């Protein structure tokens, strides 16, 4: 194996309901909101040493990305960095 993964730095997920997603990750994984960018529809959640970024599909970032991802037939996982 050319490298060994030490940890996941962050995941970026597009979601339909920001508040329901925040509630889920707080209840299930014990995440906390590290930063909010309501103007962009972006929430940064702290998950231990990692981050989970939630982007609303109908927010500024999400709506710009949705059209591009539909053309590419991409999934809702926008980014995973290890």
Protein backbone atom coordinates (compact mmCIF):
# COMPACT_ATOMS: atom_id res chain seq x y z
CA UNK A 1 0.00 0.00 0.00
CA UNK A 2 1.51 3.37 -1.01
CA UNK A 3 0.12 5.26 2.02
CA UNK A 4 -1.81 4.70 5.24
CA UNK A 5 -4.85 6.79 6.07
CA UNK A 6 -4.47 8.42 9.48
CA UNK A 7 -7.85 10.15 9.63
CA UNK A 8 -10.52 11.78 7.55
CA UNK A 9 -10.02 15.54 7.47
CA UNK A 10 -13.49 16.48 6.26
CA UNK A 11 -16.55 15.42 4.32
CA UNK A 12 -18.79 17.75 2.38
CA UNK A 13 -22.39 16.60 2.02
CA UNK A 14 -25.29 18.20 0.15
CA UNK A 15 -28.49 17.95 2.16
CA UNK A 16 -32.15 18.85 1.62
CA UNK A 17 -32.85 19.90 5.22
CA UNK A 18 -30.00 21.59 7.09
CA UNK A 19 -31.67 21.58 10.50
CA UNK A 20 -32.73 17.92 10.29
CA UNK A 21 -29.17 17.03 9.23
CA UNK A 22 -27.66 19.05 12.08
CA UNK A 23 -30.03 17.36 14.54
CA UNK A 24 -29.11 13.92 13.16
CA UNK A 25 -25.34 14.38 13.36
CA UNK A 26 -25.58 15.94 16.82
CA UNK A 27 -27.77 13.11 18.16
CA UNK A 28 -26.06 10.17 16.45
CA UNK A 29 -22.39 11.21 16.29
CA UNK A 30 -22.28 13.85 19.02
CA UNK A 31 -21.18 16.55 16.57
CA UNK A 32 -21.36 20.21 17.43
CA UNK A 33 -21.77 23.21 15.16
CA UNK A 34 -18.31 24.75 14.74
CA UNK A 35 -19.32 27.50 12.32
CA UNK A 36 -22.41 28.65 10.40
CA UNK A 37 -22.46 30.41 7.05
CA UNK A 38 -26.20 30.92 6.69
CA UNK A 39 -25.57 33.32 3.80
CA UNK A 40 -24.12 30.36 1.85
CA UNK A 41 -26.31 27.59 3.26
CA UNK A 42 -23.21 26.01 4.85
CA UNK A 43 -22.78 24.45 8.30
CA UNK A 44 -19.44 23.17 9.63
CA UNK A 45 -19.85 20.37 12.19
CA UNK A 46 -17.02 19.21 14.44
CA UNK A 47 -16.79 15.39 14.53
CA UNK A 48 -13.86 14.64 16.83
CA UNK A 49 -10.71 15.63 14.92
CA UNK A 50 -12.70 15.75 11.66
CA UNK A 51 -15.24 18.09 10.12
CA UNK A 52 -18.53 17.41 8.36
CA UNK A 53 -19.65 20.27 6.14
CA UNK A 54 -23.35 20.35 5.31
CA UNK A 55 -24.43 22.33 2.25
CA UNK A 56 -28.11 23.00 1.64
CA UNK A 57 -29.11 21.97 -1.90
CA UNK A 58 -31.17 25.14 -2.18
CA UNK A 59 -28.57 27.49 -0.68
CA UNK A 60 -26.10 29.65 -2.61
CA UNK A 61 -23.40 26.96 -2.74
CA UNK A 62 -25.75 24.03 -3.10
CA UNK A 63 -27.80 25.40 -5.97
CA UNK A 64 -24.65 26.25 -7.94
CA UNK A 65 -23.26 22.77 -7.36
CA UNK A 66 -26.50 20.88 -8.06
CA UNK A 67 -26.59 21.82 -11.74
CA UNK A 68 -22.94 20.88 -12.23
CA UNK A 69 -23.31 17.58 -10.36
CA UNK A 70 -26.43 16.66 -12.34
CA UNK A 71 -24.43 17.07 -15.55
CA UNK A 72 -21.65 14.92 -14.08
CA UNK A 73 -24.11 12.44 -12.49
CA UNK A 74 -22.28 12.92 -9.19
CA UNK A 75 -23.45 11.73 -5.79
CA UNK A 76 -24.35 13.88 -2.80
CA UNK A 77 -20.86 13.48 -1.38
CA UNK A 78 -19.07 16.48 -2.77
CA UNK A 79 -15.69 16.04 -1.15
CA UNK A 80 -13.87 13.59 1.12
CA UNK A 81 -10.34 14.46 2.24
CA UNK A 82 -8.10 11.98 4.07
